[in-house]
Structures are given as C-alpha cells and as structure tokens.
Amino acid sequence: MKKRVPVSEIMTRNLVTVTTNSDLVSAEELFKKNRIRHIPVVSGKEIVGMLSYTDLLRISFADAVDEHEESVDTMVYNMFTISQVMVRDVVSVSSETTIKEVAQFLASKEFHALPVVDDGKLVGIVTTTDLINYLLEQY
C-alpha cells in the first residue's frame, strides 16, 4: 500500500453545495438526485457549515418515504432553515493531508465526511466511502 498519499487523490472535486438561503426541500432533492449523504453549506467559496442527510431525517418523517421517490413531504422542512439544521463547527483538512491521517480522524469521530479546504477555499470533500473505495483499489 502506498504511504503519504494526499487526500486530494481521492476527494470529490465536483461538489454539490447549498447556501444558507437554500431551503431544505431543495437540499433533500439534491441528496436524492446525486445519491450523496453530505452537502457543504457555502458562502461564496468558503464553507460555513455541513448538512447531512441524517440531519434531515432527524427533523422529518423522511425516513418513512421511499428513498427513490422524488416527492418530499415539505411541511416539516418549511419549519426549519438550513442554518438551523446544519453543523456549524466544521472540521476540515487540507488537500495535502494524507489519506491515512484522514482515515484515522474519521475512525475516531462521529461523522463520515470532511471538507477539504485550501487557503480558506472549499476545494473538495472526502467521505468514508471514498476511503473504502481507495482501500478496495489497493487489493
């Protein structure tokens, strides 16, 4: 297995993002359409929060809805804003952080995605799925 490989080798660069002005119905649609579980919340190129699909499930009955269904029960979502639901204290890594360091960090924490930030600018996201896929490629 290669050592000292930077996370930039496996991170997702083509990001799906929302702003604090976006609504939760749109966020739900982005999660389902793109088959993702984490969306960075941005202001320009700067990350201000992180929204996870689990965050939405906590405030709604969306878990009772079929994941492949396109319609969303919007009543609960209209009661909250992205700012109220997102995680604000976002931990990030730089694109030069090694895959090993990212794996060690995610293994010890309660979350499954890290934004990748260089010079204050969001440049990617790395998830536990990215790490698993990388490990599978090594075998």
N, C-alpha and C. Protein backbone atom coordinates (compact mmCIF):
# COMPACT_ATOMS: atom_id res chain seq x y z
N MET A 1 0.85 -1.19 0.00
CA MET A 1 0.00 0.00 0.00
C MET A 1 0.89 1.25 0.00
N LYS A 2 0.50 2.21 -0.78
CA LYS A 2 1.26 3.46 -0.87
C LYS A 2 1.12 4.27 0.42
N LYS A 3 2.22 4.92 0.80
CA LYS A 3 2.18 5.76 2.01
C LYS A 3 2.29 7.22 1.60
N ARG A 4 1.83 8.07 2.48
CA ARG A 4 1.92 9.53 2.28
C ARG A 4 1.15 10.03 1.06
N VAL A 5 0.10 9.32 0.65
CA VAL A 5 -0.73 9.76 -0.48
C VAL A 5 -1.66 10.86 0.03
N PRO A 6 -1.69 12.01 -0.64
CA PRO A 6 -2.56 13.10 -0.17
C PRO A 6 -4.03 12.81 -0.46
N VAL A 7 -4.88 13.35 0.38
CA VAL A 7 -6.32 13.15 0.23
C VAL A 7 -6.84 13.71 -1.09
N SER A 8 -6.09 14.63 -1.68
CA SER A 8 -6.50 15.19 -2.97
C SER A 8 -6.62 14.12 -4.05
N GLU A 9 -5.98 12.97 -3.84
CA GLU A 9 -6.05 11.86 -4.80
C GLU A 9 -7.42 11.18 -4.81
N ILE A 10 -8.14 11.25 -3.69
CA ILE A 10 -9.41 10.51 -3.61
C ILE A 10 -10.62 11.40 -3.34
N MET A 11 -10.40 12.67 -3.04
CA MET A 11 -11.53 13.55 -2.69
C MET A 11 -12.42 13.82 -3.90
N THR A 12 -13.65 14.15 -3.63
CA THR A 12 -14.59 14.57 -4.66
C THR A 12 -14.37 16.05 -4.90
N ARG A 13 -14.15 16.40 -6.16
CA ARG A 13 -13.88 17.81 -6.52
C ARG A 13 -15.13 18.49 -7.09
N ASN A 14 -15.96 17.72 -7.75
CA ASN A 14 -17.18 18.25 -8.35
C ASN A 14 -18.26 18.28 -7.27
N LEU A 15 -18.31 19.36 -6.53
CA LEU A 15 -19.13 19.43 -5.33
C LEU A 15 -20.57 19.86 -5.59
N VAL A 16 -21.45 19.27 -4.81
CA VAL A 16 -22.83 19.73 -4.70
C VAL A 16 -22.87 20.54 -3.42
N THR A 17 -23.26 21.81 -3.51
CA THR A 17 -23.30 22.66 -2.33
C THR A 17 -24.65 23.37 -2.23
N VAL A 18 -24.91 23.91 -1.04
CA VAL A 18 -26.07 24.77 -0.82
C VAL A 18 -25.57 26.00 -0.07
N THR A 19 -26.42 27.01 0.01
CA THR A 19 -26.13 28.19 0.81
C THR A 19 -27.14 28.23 1.95
N THR A 20 -26.93 29.15 2.88
CA THR A 20 -27.89 29.28 3.99
C THR A 20 -29.23 29.82 3.48
N ASN A 21 -29.25 30.37 2.28
CA ASN A 21 -30.50 30.85 1.69
C ASN A 21 -31.28 29.74 0.99
N SER A 22 -30.64 28.60 0.76
CA SER A 22 -31.32 27.46 0.14
C SER A 22 -32.36 26.94 1.12
N ASP A 23 -33.29 26.15 0.61
CA ASP A 23 -34.29 25.57 1.50
C ASP A 23 -34.06 24.07 1.64
N LEU A 24 -34.64 23.49 2.67
CA LEU A 24 -34.43 22.08 2.97
C LEU A 24 -35.08 21.16 1.95
N VAL A 25 -36.14 21.60 1.31
CA VAL A 25 -36.76 20.80 0.25
C VAL A 25 -35.77 20.62 -0.90
N SER A 26 -35.12 21.71 -1.29
CA SER A 26 -34.12 21.64 -2.35
C SER A 26 -32.95 20.76 -1.93
N ALA A 27 -32.53 20.87 -0.68
CA ALA A 27 -31.43 20.05 -0.18
C ALA A 27 -31.80 18.57 -0.25
N GLU A 28 -33.02 18.24 0.17
CA GLU A 28 -33.50 16.85 0.11
C GLU A 28 -33.44 16.33 -1.33
N GLU A 29 -33.85 17.16 -2.27
CA GLU A 29 -33.82 16.76 -3.68
C GLU A 29 -32.39 16.54 -4.15
N LEU A 30 -31.45 17.39 -3.71
CA LEU A 30 -30.04 17.22 -4.08
C LEU A 30 -29.47 15.93 -3.51
N PHE A 31 -29.80 15.61 -2.26
CA PHE A 31 -29.33 14.37 -1.67
C PHE A 31 -29.77 13.17 -2.50
N LYS A 32 -31.05 13.15 -2.85
CA LYS A 32 -31.59 12.00 -3.58
C LYS A 32 -31.11 11.96 -5.03
N LYS A 33 -31.14 13.09 -5.70
CA LYS A 33 -30.75 13.14 -7.11
C LYS A 33 -29.30 12.73 -7.31
N ASN A 34 -28.42 13.17 -6.41
CA ASN A 34 -26.99 12.91 -6.55
C ASN A 34 -26.50 11.70 -5.76
N ARG A 35 -27.43 11.07 -5.03
CA ARG A 35 -27.10 9.90 -4.22
C ARG A 35 -25.91 10.16 -3.31
N ILE A 36 -26.03 11.25 -2.54
CA ILE A 36 -24.98 11.64 -1.60
C ILE A 36 -25.58 11.76 -0.21
N ARG A 37 -24.71 11.85 0.79
CA ARG A 37 -25.15 11.93 2.18
C ARG A 37 -24.68 13.19 2.90
N HIS A 38 -23.82 13.99 2.24
CA HIS A 38 -23.27 15.19 2.87
C HIS A 38 -23.21 16.32 1.85
N ILE A 39 -23.64 17.51 2.27
CA ILE A 39 -23.58 18.68 1.40
C ILE A 39 -22.95 19.84 2.17
N PRO A 40 -21.83 20.37 1.66
CA PRO A 40 -21.25 21.55 2.29
C PRO A 40 -22.18 22.76 2.10
N VAL A 41 -22.26 23.57 3.14
CA VAL A 41 -23.01 24.82 3.08
C VAL A 41 -21.97 25.92 2.91
N VAL A 42 -22.11 26.70 1.84
CA VAL A 42 -21.08 27.68 1.50
C VAL A 42 -21.61 29.10 1.45
N SER A 43 -20.67 30.00 1.60
CA SER A 43 -20.88 31.42 1.35
C SER A 43 -19.75 31.79 0.41
N GLY A 44 -20.06 31.93 -0.87
CA GLY A 44 -19.02 32.10 -1.88
C GLY A 44 -18.23 30.81 -1.99
N LYS A 45 -16.92 30.87 -1.80
CA LYS A 45 -16.06 29.68 -1.85
C LYS A 45 -15.72 29.16 -0.45
N GLU A 46 -16.26 29.84 0.57
CA GLU A 46 -15.95 29.50 1.96
C GLU A 46 -17.02 28.59 2.55
N ILE A 47 -16.59 27.57 3.28
CA ILE A 47 -17.55 26.67 3.93
C ILE A 47 -18.00 27.29 5.25
N VAL A 48 -19.32 27.29 5.48
CA VAL A 48 -19.87 27.84 6.72
C VAL A 48 -20.60 26.78 7.53
N GLY A 49 -20.80 25.60 6.93
CA GLY A 49 -21.49 24.53 7.63
C GLY A 49 -21.52 23.28 6.81
N MET A 50 -22.06 22.22 7.41
CA MET A 50 -22.19 20.95 6.72
C MET A 50 -23.57 20.39 7.02
N LEU A 51 -24.25 19.97 5.97
CA LEU A 51 -25.58 19.39 6.10
C LEU A 51 -25.49 17.92 5.72
N SER A 52 -26.03 17.05 6.56
CA SER A 52 -26.03 15.63 6.21
C SER A 52 -27.47 15.16 6.04
N TYR A 53 -27.62 14.09 5.29
CA TYR A 53 -28.95 13.52 5.09
C TYR A 53 -29.53 13.09 6.44
N THR A 54 -28.67 12.64 7.33
CA THR A 54 -29.10 12.26 8.67
C THR A 54 -29.69 13.45 9.41
N ASP A 55 -29.12 14.65 9.20
CA ASP A 55 -29.67 15.87 9.81
C ASP A 55 -31.12 16.06 9.40
N LEU A 56 -31.40 15.83 8.13
CA LEU A 56 -32.78 15.98 7.65
C LEU A 56 -33.70 14.93 8.25
N LEU A 57 -33.20 13.71 8.35
CA LEU A 57 -34.03 12.63 8.90
C LEU A 57 -34.40 12.90 10.35
N ARG A 58 -33.51 13.58 11.05
CA ARG A 58 -33.77 13.89 12.46
C ARG A 58 -34.96 14.82 12.64
N ILE A 59 -35.20 15.68 11.66
CA ILE A 59 -36.27 16.67 11.83
C ILE A 59 -37.53 16.32 11.05
N SER A 60 -37.51 15.21 10.34
CA SER A 60 -38.66 14.92 9.48
C SER A 60 -39.11 13.48 9.57
N PHE A 61 -40.08 13.19 8.80
CA PHE A 61 -40.55 11.82 8.66
C PHE A 61 -40.05 11.25 7.35
N ALA A 62 -38.98 11.84 6.82
CA ALA A 62 -38.45 11.43 5.51
C ALA A 62 -38.01 9.98 5.49
N ASP A 63 -37.66 9.45 6.68
CA ASP A 63 -37.24 8.05 6.69
C ASP A 63 -38.40 7.12 6.38
N ALA A 64 -39.62 7.63 6.46
CA ALA A 64 -40.78 6.82 6.11
C ALA A 64 -41.07 6.88 4.61
N VAL A 65 -40.37 7.77 3.91
CA VAL A 65 -40.55 7.94 2.48
C VAL A 65 -39.53 7.08 1.75
N ASP A 66 -39.95 6.47 0.68
CA ASP A 66 -39.05 5.66 -0.14
C ASP A 66 -37.94 6.54 -0.68
N GLU A 67 -36.67 6.11 -0.52
CA GLU A 67 -35.53 6.91 -0.97
C GLU A 67 -35.55 7.19 -2.46
N HIS A 68 -36.19 6.34 -3.23
CA HIS A 68 -36.21 6.51 -4.68
C HIS A 68 -37.37 7.37 -5.14
N GLU A 69 -38.23 7.72 -4.21
CA GLU A 69 -39.37 8.56 -4.53
C GLU A 69 -38.90 9.99 -4.71
N GLU A 70 -39.43 10.67 -5.69
CA GLU A 70 -38.99 12.04 -5.97
C GLU A 70 -39.71 13.08 -5.13
N SER A 71 -40.93 12.79 -4.71
CA SER A 71 -41.69 13.78 -3.95
C SER A 71 -41.27 13.77 -2.48
N VAL A 72 -41.36 14.92 -1.87
CA VAL A 72 -40.94 15.09 -0.49
C VAL A 72 -42.07 15.75 0.28
N ASP A 73 -42.31 15.30 1.49
CA ASP A 73 -43.30 15.96 2.34
C ASP A 73 -42.65 17.23 2.87
N THR A 74 -43.09 18.37 2.37
CA THR A 74 -42.39 19.62 2.65
C THR A 74 -42.84 20.33 3.92
N MET A 75 -43.89 19.87 4.55
CA MET A 75 -44.43 20.60 5.69
C MET A 75 -43.39 20.78 6.80
N VAL A 76 -42.71 19.73 7.19
CA VAL A 76 -41.72 19.82 8.26
C VAL A 76 -40.52 20.65 7.82
N TYR A 77 -40.09 20.47 6.58
CA TYR A 77 -38.92 21.20 6.08
C TYR A 77 -39.15 22.72 6.07
N ASN A 78 -40.37 23.13 5.84
CA ASN A 78 -40.67 24.56 5.80
C ASN A 78 -40.63 25.21 7.19
N MET A 79 -40.53 24.39 8.23
CA MET A 79 -40.47 24.91 9.60
C MET A 79 -39.04 25.25 10.02
N PHE A 80 -38.05 24.81 9.24
CA PHE A 80 -36.64 25.00 9.60
C PHE A 80 -35.87 25.61 8.44
N THR A 81 -34.73 26.22 8.77
CA THR A 81 -33.83 26.74 7.75
C THR A 81 -32.56 25.87 7.74
N ILE A 82 -31.80 25.99 6.68
CA ILE A 82 -30.53 25.26 6.61
C ILE A 82 -29.64 25.67 7.77
N SER A 83 -29.62 26.96 8.11
CA SER A 83 -28.79 27.44 9.23
C SER A 83 -29.15 26.77 10.54
N GLN A 84 -30.42 26.44 10.72
CA GLN A 84 -30.85 25.80 11.96
C GLN A 84 -30.48 24.32 12.02
N VAL A 85 -30.33 23.69 10.87
CA VAL A 85 -30.11 22.24 10.82
C VAL A 85 -28.65 21.87 10.62
N MET A 86 -27.90 22.70 9.94
CA MET A 86 -26.51 22.37 9.59
C MET A 86 -25.61 22.34 10.82
N VAL A 87 -24.50 21.65 10.69
CA VAL A 87 -23.44 21.66 11.69
C VAL A 87 -22.57 22.87 11.38
N ARG A 88 -22.33 23.69 12.39
CA ARG A 88 -21.57 24.93 12.18
C ARG A 88 -20.07 24.77 12.43
N ASP A 89 -19.72 24.03 13.44
CA ASP A 89 -18.31 23.86 13.79
C ASP A 89 -17.70 22.77 12.92
N VAL A 90 -17.42 23.12 11.68
CA VAL A 90 -16.96 22.14 10.71
C VAL A 90 -15.45 21.96 10.84
N VAL A 91 -15.05 20.72 10.97
CA VAL A 91 -13.64 20.36 10.96
C VAL A 91 -13.27 20.08 9.51
N SER A 92 -12.15 20.63 9.07
CA SER A 92 -11.73 20.40 7.69
C SER A 92 -10.27 19.96 7.66
N VAL A 93 -9.86 19.50 6.49
CA VAL A 93 -8.46 19.12 6.25
C VAL A 93 -7.99 19.83 5.00
N SER A 94 -6.68 19.88 4.79
CA SER A 94 -6.15 20.45 3.56
C SER A 94 -5.99 19.34 2.53
N SER A 95 -5.81 19.72 1.29
CA SER A 95 -5.66 18.72 0.22
C SER A 95 -4.36 17.94 0.35
N GLU A 96 -3.42 18.44 1.17
CA GLU A 96 -2.14 17.75 1.37
C GLU A 96 -2.18 16.77 2.55
N THR A 97 -3.26 16.78 3.32
CA THR A 97 -3.40 15.83 4.43
C THR A 97 -3.37 14.42 3.84
N THR A 98 -2.69 13.51 4.50
CA THR A 98 -2.59 12.16 3.94
C THR A 98 -3.89 11.39 4.13
N ILE A 99 -4.08 10.43 3.24
CA ILE A 99 -5.26 9.57 3.33
C ILE A 99 -5.26 8.85 4.68
N LYS A 100 -4.10 8.43 5.12
CA LYS A 100 -4.00 7.74 6.42
C LYS A 100 -4.48 8.65 7.55
N GLU A 101 -4.04 9.90 7.55
CA GLU A 101 -4.46 10.84 8.60
C GLU A 101 -5.97 11.06 8.58
N VAL A 102 -6.54 11.17 7.38
CA VAL A 102 -7.99 11.35 7.25
C VAL A 102 -8.70 10.11 7.78
N ALA A 103 -8.21 8.93 7.42
CA ALA A 103 -8.84 7.68 7.87
C ALA A 103 -8.79 7.58 9.39
N GLN A 104 -7.65 7.91 9.99
CA GLN A 104 -7.52 7.86 11.45
C GLN A 104 -8.49 8.83 12.11
N PHE A 105 -8.62 10.02 11.54
CA PHE A 105 -9.51 11.03 12.10
C PHE A 105 -10.97 10.59 12.02
N LEU A 106 -11.40 10.16 10.83
CA LEU A 106 -12.80 9.74 10.66
C LEU A 106 -13.12 8.52 11.52
N ALA A 107 -12.16 7.62 11.69
CA ALA A 107 -12.39 6.42 12.50
C ALA A 107 -12.61 6.78 13.97
N SER A 108 -12.11 7.92 14.39
CA SER A 108 -12.22 8.29 15.80
C SER A 108 -13.35 9.27 16.09
N LYS A 109 -14.06 9.71 15.07
CA LYS A 109 -15.10 10.73 15.25
C LYS A 109 -16.48 10.18 14.92
N GLU A 110 -17.48 11.01 15.15
CA GLU A 110 -18.88 10.63 14.96
C GLU A 110 -19.43 11.04 13.60
N PHE A 111 -18.59 11.53 12.70
CA PHE A 111 -19.10 11.94 11.39
C PHE A 111 -18.35 11.21 10.29
N HIS A 112 -18.85 11.33 9.06
CA HIS A 112 -18.38 10.50 7.97
C HIS A 112 -17.93 11.27 6.74
N ALA A 113 -17.70 12.57 6.89
CA ALA A 113 -17.25 13.38 5.77
C ALA A 113 -16.44 14.56 6.30
N LEU A 114 -15.43 14.93 5.53
CA LEU A 114 -14.61 16.09 5.88
C LEU A 114 -14.49 16.99 4.65
N PRO A 115 -14.76 18.26 4.81
CA PRO A 115 -14.49 19.18 3.71
C PRO A 115 -12.97 19.35 3.57
N VAL A 116 -12.54 19.55 2.33
CA VAL A 116 -11.13 19.79 2.06
C VAL A 116 -11.01 21.27 1.70
N VAL A 117 -10.21 21.98 2.49
CA VAL A 117 -10.11 23.44 2.37
C VAL A 117 -8.65 23.84 2.22
N ASP A 118 -8.37 24.61 1.18
CA ASP A 118 -7.03 25.18 0.97
C ASP A 118 -7.14 26.70 0.93
N ASP A 119 -6.36 27.37 1.76
CA ASP A 119 -6.35 28.83 1.81
C ASP A 119 -7.75 29.41 2.01
N GLY A 120 -8.54 28.77 2.88
CA GLY A 120 -9.88 29.25 3.19
C GLY A 120 -10.93 28.93 2.13
N LYS A 121 -10.54 28.24 1.06
CA LYS A 121 -11.46 27.95 -0.05
C LYS A 121 -11.79 26.45 -0.08
N LEU A 122 -13.08 26.14 -0.16
CA LEU A 122 -13.53 24.75 -0.26
C LEU A 122 -13.11 24.19 -1.62
N VAL A 123 -12.31 23.12 -1.61
CA VAL A 123 -11.83 22.54 -2.87
C VAL A 123 -12.30 21.10 -3.07
N GLY A 124 -12.89 20.50 -2.03
CA GLY A 124 -13.35 19.13 -2.17
C GLY A 124 -14.00 18.62 -0.90
N ILE A 125 -14.37 17.35 -0.95
CA ILE A 125 -14.92 16.67 0.22
C ILE A 125 -14.43 15.23 0.16
N VAL A 126 -14.13 14.67 1.32
CA VAL A 126 -13.71 13.27 1.39
C VAL A 126 -14.63 12.57 2.40
N THR A 127 -15.11 11.39 2.02
CA THR A 127 -16.05 10.65 2.85
C THR A 127 -15.49 9.27 3.17
N THR A 128 -16.14 8.61 4.11
CA THR A 128 -15.73 7.25 4.43
C THR A 128 -15.88 6.34 3.21
N THR A 129 -16.83 6.61 2.36
CA THR A 129 -16.99 5.82 1.13
C THR A 129 -15.78 6.01 0.22
N ASP A 130 -15.26 7.24 0.12
CA ASP A 130 -14.04 7.48 -0.66
C ASP A 130 -12.89 6.64 -0.11
N LEU A 131 -12.77 6.58 1.20
CA LEU A 131 -11.70 5.81 1.84
C LEU A 131 -11.85 4.32 1.56
N ILE A 132 -13.06 3.82 1.68
CA ILE A 132 -13.30 2.40 1.42
C ILE A 132 -12.98 2.06 -0.03
N ASN A 133 -13.42 2.89 -0.95
CA ASN A 133 -13.12 2.66 -2.37
C ASN A 133 -11.62 2.67 -2.64
N TYR A 134 -10.90 3.57 -1.99
CA TYR A 134 -9.45 3.64 -2.14
C TYR A 134 -8.81 2.33 -1.64
N LEU A 135 -9.25 1.87 -0.47
CA LEU A 135 -8.70 0.63 0.08
C LEU A 135 -9.01 -0.56 -0.83
N LEU A 136 -10.19 -0.59 -1.39
CA LEU A 136 -10.55 -1.69 -2.29
C LEU A 136 -9.66 -1.70 -3.53
N GLU A 137 -9.28 -0.52 -4.03
CA GLU A 137 -8.40 -0.44 -5.18
C GLU A 137 -7.00 -0.98 -4.88
N GLN A 138 -6.63 -0.96 -3.60
CA GLN A 138 -5.29 -1.42 -3.22
C GLN A 138 -5.18 -2.95 -3.24
N TYR A 139 -6.32 -3.64 -3.27
CA TYR A 139 -6.32 -5.10 -3.25
C TYR A 139 -6.54 -5.69 -4.61
